[in-house]
Amino acid sequence: MKIATIVIRVLIGLLLLFASVSFFLKLVPEPVTTGDFKAFQVGLVASTYLMPLAKAVELLCGVSYVTGKYVALANIIILPITINILLINYFLAPEGLPIAIAMFLGNLFLIYRYWDNYKSVFTP
């Protein structure tokens, strides 16, 4: 189980690093979007701070996952972003749903594996 934890942690970390670094350095061209997803994306870009903030969080959590430092904290910080990625792909861009599901389930698996770190939060 320890090897599975390391493999999942590093894979998610690399995915987060790739997504954030390619956003900041403009390594990958923006995908062509249509319909409701295009309207949603225009709103995200118009906010000017939301996408850079989310990508900065992804970058920090990706570094945390790859290095193995502060993983329990990164699990909780990245959870709302993975939920958002999952829901955006479910409702607006289903072609990206397999990766979104894998990322969300990997995040849940890591939370399960580090559950001892969170027990004190849930005790009265």
N, C-alpha and C. Protein backbone atom coordinates (compact mmCIF):
# COMPACT_ATOMS: atom_id res chain seq x y z
N MET A 1 0.82 -1.19 0.00
CA MET A 1 0.00 0.00 0.00
C MET A 1 0.87 1.26 0.00
N LYS A 2 2.05 1.16 0.61
CA LYS A 2 2.95 2.31 0.67
C LYS A 2 3.44 2.68 -0.73
N ILE A 3 3.74 1.68 -1.55
CA ILE A 3 4.20 1.94 -2.91
C ILE A 3 3.09 2.57 -3.73
N ALA A 4 1.86 2.08 -3.58
CA ALA A 4 0.71 2.67 -4.30
C ALA A 4 0.53 4.12 -3.90
N THR A 5 0.70 4.42 -2.63
CA THR A 5 0.57 5.79 -2.16
C THR A 5 1.61 6.69 -2.82
N ILE A 6 2.84 6.22 -2.88
CA ILE A 6 3.91 7.01 -3.49
C ILE A 6 3.66 7.20 -4.98
N VAL A 7 3.25 6.15 -5.66
CA VAL A 7 3.00 6.23 -7.10
C VAL A 7 1.86 7.21 -7.39
N ILE A 8 0.75 7.09 -6.68
CA ILE A 8 -0.39 7.98 -6.90
C ILE A 8 -0.02 9.42 -6.54
N ARG A 9 0.69 9.59 -5.45
CA ARG A 9 1.10 10.94 -5.02
C ARG A 9 1.99 11.60 -6.07
N VAL A 10 2.95 10.88 -6.59
CA VAL A 10 3.87 11.45 -7.58
C VAL A 10 3.15 11.70 -8.91
N LEU A 11 2.28 10.78 -9.33
CA LEU A 11 1.57 10.98 -10.59
C LEU A 11 0.65 12.20 -10.53
N ILE A 12 -0.08 12.35 -9.44
CA ILE A 12 -0.94 13.53 -9.30
C ILE A 12 -0.07 14.78 -9.21
N GLY A 13 1.03 14.70 -8.50
CA GLY A 13 1.93 15.83 -8.39
C GLY A 13 2.48 16.26 -9.75
N LEU A 14 2.87 15.30 -10.57
CA LEU A 14 3.37 15.63 -11.90
C LEU A 14 2.28 16.22 -12.79
N LEU A 15 1.07 15.70 -12.67
CA LEU A 15 -0.05 16.25 -13.43
C LEU A 15 -0.33 17.70 -13.03
N LEU A 16 -0.32 17.95 -11.72
CA LEU A 16 -0.53 19.32 -11.24
C LEU A 16 0.61 20.25 -11.67
N LEU A 17 1.83 19.76 -11.60
CA LEU A 17 2.97 20.57 -12.04
C LEU A 17 2.89 20.88 -13.53
N PHE A 18 2.57 19.88 -14.33
CA PHE A 18 2.47 20.11 -15.78
C PHE A 18 1.39 21.14 -16.09
N ALA A 19 0.22 21.00 -15.45
CA ALA A 19 -0.88 21.92 -15.72
C ALA A 19 -0.53 23.35 -15.31
N SER A 20 0.11 23.50 -14.17
CA SER A 20 0.40 24.86 -13.70
C SER A 20 1.58 25.49 -14.45
N VAL A 21 2.62 24.73 -14.68
CA VAL A 21 3.78 25.28 -15.39
C VAL A 21 3.40 25.61 -16.83
N SER A 22 2.62 24.75 -17.48
CA SER A 22 2.23 25.04 -18.86
C SER A 22 1.30 26.25 -18.92
N PHE A 23 0.52 26.50 -17.87
CA PHE A 23 -0.32 27.70 -17.83
C PHE A 23 0.53 28.95 -17.70
N PHE A 24 1.46 28.94 -16.76
CA PHE A 24 2.26 30.14 -16.52
C PHE A 24 3.24 30.44 -17.65
N LEU A 25 3.80 29.41 -18.25
CA LEU A 25 4.79 29.61 -19.31
C LEU A 25 4.16 29.55 -20.70
N LYS A 26 2.85 29.35 -20.78
CA LYS A 26 2.12 29.29 -22.05
C LYS A 26 2.73 28.26 -22.99
N LEU A 27 3.01 27.05 -22.45
CA LEU A 27 3.62 25.98 -23.23
C LEU A 27 2.63 25.28 -24.14
N VAL A 28 1.36 25.26 -23.74
CA VAL A 28 0.32 24.57 -24.50
C VAL A 28 -0.70 25.61 -24.94
N PRO A 29 -1.10 25.59 -26.21
CA PRO A 29 -2.10 26.58 -26.63
C PRO A 29 -3.44 26.32 -25.95
N GLU A 30 -4.19 27.39 -25.74
CA GLU A 30 -5.51 27.28 -25.13
C GLU A 30 -6.41 26.42 -26.00
N PRO A 31 -7.12 25.47 -25.41
CA PRO A 31 -8.03 24.64 -26.22
C PRO A 31 -9.21 25.48 -26.72
N VAL A 32 -9.69 25.12 -27.89
CA VAL A 32 -10.85 25.81 -28.46
C VAL A 32 -12.09 25.30 -27.73
N THR A 33 -12.84 26.21 -27.17
CA THR A 33 -14.04 25.84 -26.43
C THR A 33 -15.27 26.41 -27.10
N THR A 34 -16.41 25.80 -26.82
CA THR A 34 -17.68 26.25 -27.40
C THR A 34 -18.77 26.21 -26.35
N GLY A 35 -19.85 26.89 -26.63
CA GLY A 35 -21.06 26.81 -25.82
C GLY A 35 -20.89 27.32 -24.40
N ASP A 36 -21.50 26.57 -23.48
CA ASP A 36 -21.50 26.97 -22.07
C ASP A 36 -20.10 26.99 -21.47
N PHE A 37 -19.27 26.05 -21.90
CA PHE A 37 -17.91 26.02 -21.36
C PHE A 37 -17.13 27.26 -21.79
N LYS A 38 -17.36 27.73 -22.99
CA LYS A 38 -16.68 28.94 -23.45
C LYS A 38 -17.10 30.14 -22.60
N ALA A 39 -18.40 30.24 -22.31
CA ALA A 39 -18.89 31.34 -21.48
C ALA A 39 -18.28 31.26 -20.09
N PHE A 40 -18.18 30.06 -19.55
CA PHE A 40 -17.58 29.86 -18.23
C PHE A 40 -16.11 30.26 -18.25
N GLN A 41 -15.40 29.84 -19.28
CA GLN A 41 -13.98 30.14 -19.38
C GLN A 41 -13.74 31.64 -19.56
N VAL A 42 -14.59 32.31 -20.33
CA VAL A 42 -14.47 33.76 -20.50
C VAL A 42 -14.64 34.46 -19.15
N GLY A 43 -15.57 33.97 -18.34
CA GLY A 43 -15.76 34.53 -17.00
C GLY A 43 -14.55 34.33 -16.12
N LEU A 44 -13.93 33.14 -16.19
CA LEU A 44 -12.72 32.88 -15.40
C LEU A 44 -11.59 33.82 -15.80
N VAL A 45 -11.42 33.97 -17.09
CA VAL A 45 -10.34 34.83 -17.59
C VAL A 45 -10.63 36.29 -17.24
N ALA A 46 -11.89 36.68 -17.31
CA ALA A 46 -12.26 38.07 -17.02
C ALA A 46 -12.02 38.43 -15.56
N SER A 47 -12.04 37.44 -14.67
CA SER A 47 -11.81 37.75 -13.26
C SER A 47 -10.36 38.15 -12.99
N THR A 48 -9.46 37.84 -13.86
CA THR A 48 -8.03 38.16 -13.86
C THR A 48 -7.22 37.55 -12.72
N TYR A 49 -7.84 37.15 -11.64
CA TYR A 49 -7.07 36.61 -10.52
C TYR A 49 -7.35 35.14 -10.27
N LEU A 50 -8.50 34.64 -10.68
CA LEU A 50 -8.93 33.30 -10.27
C LEU A 50 -8.07 32.20 -10.88
N MET A 51 -7.82 32.25 -12.18
CA MET A 51 -7.00 31.21 -12.81
C MET A 51 -5.55 31.25 -12.31
N PRO A 52 -4.91 32.41 -12.24
CA PRO A 52 -3.55 32.40 -11.68
C PRO A 52 -3.50 31.90 -10.24
N LEU A 53 -4.52 32.23 -9.45
CA LEU A 53 -4.56 31.74 -8.07
C LEU A 53 -4.69 30.21 -8.03
N ALA A 54 -5.62 29.68 -8.81
CA ALA A 54 -5.81 28.22 -8.84
C ALA A 54 -4.55 27.53 -9.35
N LYS A 55 -3.92 28.08 -10.36
CA LYS A 55 -2.71 27.45 -10.91
C LYS A 55 -1.53 27.58 -9.94
N ALA A 56 -1.48 28.65 -9.17
CA ALA A 56 -0.42 28.78 -8.15
C ALA A 56 -0.62 27.75 -7.06
N VAL A 57 -1.86 27.53 -6.65
CA VAL A 57 -2.15 26.49 -5.66
C VAL A 57 -1.79 25.13 -6.22
N GLU A 58 -2.15 24.87 -7.48
CA GLU A 58 -1.78 23.61 -8.12
C GLU A 58 -0.26 23.43 -8.14
N LEU A 59 0.47 24.50 -8.43
CA LEU A 59 1.93 24.43 -8.46
C LEU A 59 2.49 24.06 -7.09
N LEU A 60 2.03 24.74 -6.07
CA LEU A 60 2.52 24.46 -4.71
C LEU A 60 2.17 23.04 -4.26
N CYS A 61 0.95 22.62 -4.53
CA CYS A 61 0.55 21.26 -4.14
C CYS A 61 1.28 20.21 -4.98
N GLY A 62 1.51 20.51 -6.25
CA GLY A 62 2.27 19.58 -7.09
C GLY A 62 3.69 19.40 -6.58
N VAL A 63 4.33 20.49 -6.19
CA VAL A 63 5.68 20.41 -5.61
C VAL A 63 5.63 19.61 -4.30
N SER A 64 4.61 19.85 -3.51
CA SER A 64 4.47 19.13 -2.25
C SER A 64 4.31 17.63 -2.49
N TYR A 65 3.49 17.26 -3.45
CA TYR A 65 3.28 15.83 -3.75
C TYR A 65 4.54 15.17 -4.27
N VAL A 66 5.24 15.85 -5.17
CA VAL A 66 6.43 15.24 -5.77
C VAL A 66 7.56 15.11 -4.74
N THR A 67 7.72 16.11 -3.88
CA THR A 67 8.79 16.05 -2.88
C THR A 67 8.41 15.24 -1.66
N GLY A 68 7.11 15.06 -1.43
CA GLY A 68 6.67 14.29 -0.26
C GLY A 68 6.63 15.12 1.01
N LYS A 69 6.75 16.42 0.91
CA LYS A 69 6.71 17.31 2.07
C LYS A 69 5.34 17.96 2.18
N TYR A 70 4.80 18.02 3.36
CA TYR A 70 3.50 18.66 3.64
C TYR A 70 2.36 18.08 2.80
N VAL A 71 2.39 16.78 2.56
CA VAL A 71 1.39 16.14 1.72
C VAL A 71 0.00 16.20 2.37
N ALA A 72 -0.06 16.02 3.68
CA ALA A 72 -1.36 16.07 4.35
C ALA A 72 -2.02 17.45 4.18
N LEU A 73 -1.24 18.50 4.24
CA LEU A 73 -1.76 19.84 4.03
C LEU A 73 -2.17 20.04 2.57
N ALA A 74 -1.34 19.58 1.65
CA ALA A 74 -1.63 19.72 0.22
C ALA A 74 -2.90 18.97 -0.16
N ASN A 75 -3.14 17.81 0.47
CA ASN A 75 -4.37 17.06 0.20
C ASN A 75 -5.61 17.89 0.44
N ILE A 76 -5.64 18.59 1.54
CA ILE A 76 -6.81 19.39 1.89
C ILE A 76 -6.89 20.66 1.05
N ILE A 77 -5.76 21.27 0.78
CA ILE A 77 -5.76 22.51 -0.01
C ILE A 77 -6.22 22.24 -1.45
N ILE A 78 -5.81 21.13 -2.03
CA ILE A 78 -6.13 20.85 -3.43
C ILE A 78 -7.52 20.22 -3.60
N LEU A 79 -8.13 19.74 -2.53
CA LEU A 79 -9.44 19.08 -2.64
C LEU A 79 -10.51 19.95 -3.29
N PRO A 80 -10.71 21.21 -2.90
CA PRO A 80 -11.73 22.02 -3.59
C PRO A 80 -11.43 22.22 -5.07
N ILE A 81 -10.17 22.28 -5.43
CA ILE A 81 -9.82 22.45 -6.83
C ILE A 81 -10.12 21.18 -7.61
N THR A 82 -9.81 20.01 -7.05
CA THR A 82 -10.11 18.76 -7.75
C THR A 82 -11.62 18.55 -7.87
N ILE A 83 -12.38 18.94 -6.85
CA ILE A 83 -13.84 18.85 -6.95
C ILE A 83 -14.34 19.77 -8.06
N ASN A 84 -13.81 20.96 -8.12
CA ASN A 84 -14.20 21.91 -9.16
C ASN A 84 -13.83 21.39 -10.55
N ILE A 85 -12.66 20.84 -10.70
CA ILE A 85 -12.24 20.26 -11.98
C ILE A 85 -13.19 19.14 -12.38
N LEU A 86 -13.55 18.29 -11.42
CA LEU A 86 -14.46 17.19 -11.69
C LEU A 86 -15.83 17.70 -12.14
N LEU A 87 -16.38 18.68 -11.43
CA LEU A 87 -17.70 19.18 -11.76
C LEU A 87 -17.72 19.96 -13.08
N ILE A 88 -16.68 20.73 -13.33
CA ILE A 88 -16.60 21.45 -14.61
C ILE A 88 -16.57 20.46 -15.76
N ASN A 89 -15.77 19.41 -15.62
CA ASN A 89 -15.71 18.41 -16.69
C ASN A 89 -16.99 17.62 -16.81
N TYR A 90 -17.65 17.36 -15.71
CA TYR A 90 -18.91 16.60 -15.76
C TYR A 90 -20.00 17.40 -16.47
N PHE A 91 -20.14 18.67 -16.12
CA PHE A 91 -21.23 19.46 -16.66
C PHE A 91 -20.91 20.19 -17.97
N LEU A 92 -19.67 20.58 -18.18
CA LEU A 92 -19.36 21.45 -19.31
C LEU A 92 -18.43 20.84 -20.35
N ALA A 93 -17.54 19.96 -19.97
CA ALA A 93 -16.56 19.42 -20.92
C ALA A 93 -16.31 17.93 -20.63
N PRO A 94 -17.28 17.08 -20.98
CA PRO A 94 -17.18 15.65 -20.62
C PRO A 94 -15.99 14.91 -21.23
N GLU A 95 -15.36 15.47 -22.25
CA GLU A 95 -14.21 14.77 -22.85
C GLU A 95 -13.03 14.70 -21.89
N GLY A 96 -12.96 15.57 -20.92
CA GLY A 96 -11.88 15.54 -19.93
C GLY A 96 -12.24 14.81 -18.66
N LEU A 97 -13.41 14.19 -18.65
CA LEU A 97 -13.90 13.54 -17.43
C LEU A 97 -13.03 12.40 -16.91
N PRO A 98 -12.48 11.52 -17.75
CA PRO A 98 -11.64 10.43 -17.21
C PRO A 98 -10.46 10.93 -16.39
N ILE A 99 -9.76 11.94 -16.86
CA ILE A 99 -8.62 12.48 -16.11
C ILE A 99 -9.11 13.14 -14.83
N ALA A 100 -10.22 13.87 -14.90
CA ALA A 100 -10.77 14.54 -13.72
C ALA A 100 -11.18 13.52 -12.66
N ILE A 101 -11.80 12.42 -13.08
CA ILE A 101 -12.19 11.37 -12.13
C ILE A 101 -10.96 10.75 -11.50
N ALA A 102 -9.96 10.45 -12.31
CA ALA A 102 -8.73 9.86 -11.79
C ALA A 102 -8.05 10.78 -10.78
N MET A 103 -8.02 12.05 -11.08
CA MET A 103 -7.39 13.01 -10.17
C MET A 103 -8.18 13.12 -8.86
N PHE A 104 -9.50 13.19 -8.95
CA PHE A 104 -10.33 13.27 -7.76
C PHE A 104 -10.21 12.01 -6.90
N LEU A 105 -10.27 10.84 -7.53
CA LEU A 105 -10.14 9.60 -6.77
C LEU A 105 -8.74 9.46 -6.16
N GLY A 106 -7.72 9.91 -6.88
CA GLY A 106 -6.37 9.90 -6.32
C GLY A 106 -6.27 10.80 -5.11
N ASN A 107 -6.91 11.97 -5.17
CA ASN A 107 -6.93 12.88 -4.04
C ASN A 107 -7.64 12.25 -2.84
N LEU A 108 -8.78 11.61 -3.10
CA LEU A 108 -9.50 10.92 -2.01
C LEU A 108 -8.67 9.78 -1.42
N PHE A 109 -7.96 9.04 -2.28
CA PHE A 109 -7.10 7.96 -1.80
C PHE A 109 -6.00 8.51 -0.90
N LEU A 110 -5.40 9.62 -1.29
CA LEU A 110 -4.34 10.20 -0.47
C LEU A 110 -4.89 10.73 0.86
N ILE A 111 -6.08 11.28 0.84
CA ILE A 111 -6.70 11.72 2.10
C ILE A 111 -6.93 10.51 3.00
N TYR A 112 -7.39 9.42 2.41
CA TYR A 112 -7.59 8.18 3.18
C TYR A 112 -6.26 7.69 3.78
N ARG A 113 -5.22 7.71 2.98
CA ARG A 113 -3.92 7.21 3.46
C ARG A 113 -3.30 8.09 4.55
N TYR A 114 -3.62 9.38 4.53
CA TYR A 114 -3.09 10.30 5.54
C TYR A 114 -4.16 10.64 6.59
N TRP A 115 -5.16 9.80 6.72
CA TRP A 115 -6.30 10.10 7.58
C TRP A 115 -5.89 10.33 9.04
N ASP A 116 -4.87 9.67 9.51
CA ASP A 116 -4.42 9.87 10.90
C ASP A 116 -4.07 11.32 11.19
N ASN A 117 -3.64 12.04 10.18
CA ASN A 117 -3.30 13.46 10.34
C ASN A 117 -4.53 14.34 10.50
N TYR A 118 -5.70 13.83 10.08
CA TYR A 118 -6.91 14.64 10.11
C TYR A 118 -7.86 14.27 11.25
N LYS A 119 -7.58 13.20 11.96
CA LYS A 119 -8.48 12.73 13.01
C LYS A 119 -8.78 13.80 14.06
N SER A 120 -7.79 14.57 14.43
CA SER A 120 -7.99 15.57 15.49
C SER A 120 -8.93 16.68 15.03
N VAL A 121 -9.03 16.91 13.75
CA VAL A 121 -9.94 17.93 13.24
C VAL A 121 -11.38 17.53 13.44
N PHE A 122 -11.66 16.23 13.37
CA PHE A 122 -13.02 15.74 13.42
C PHE A 122 -13.44 15.19 14.78
N THR A 123 -12.63 15.41 15.81
CA THR A 123 -13.01 14.99 17.16
C THR A 123 -13.50 16.19 17.94
N PRO A 124 -14.59 15.99 18.69
CA PRO A 124 -15.14 17.13 19.46
C PRO A 124 -14.25 17.53 20.63
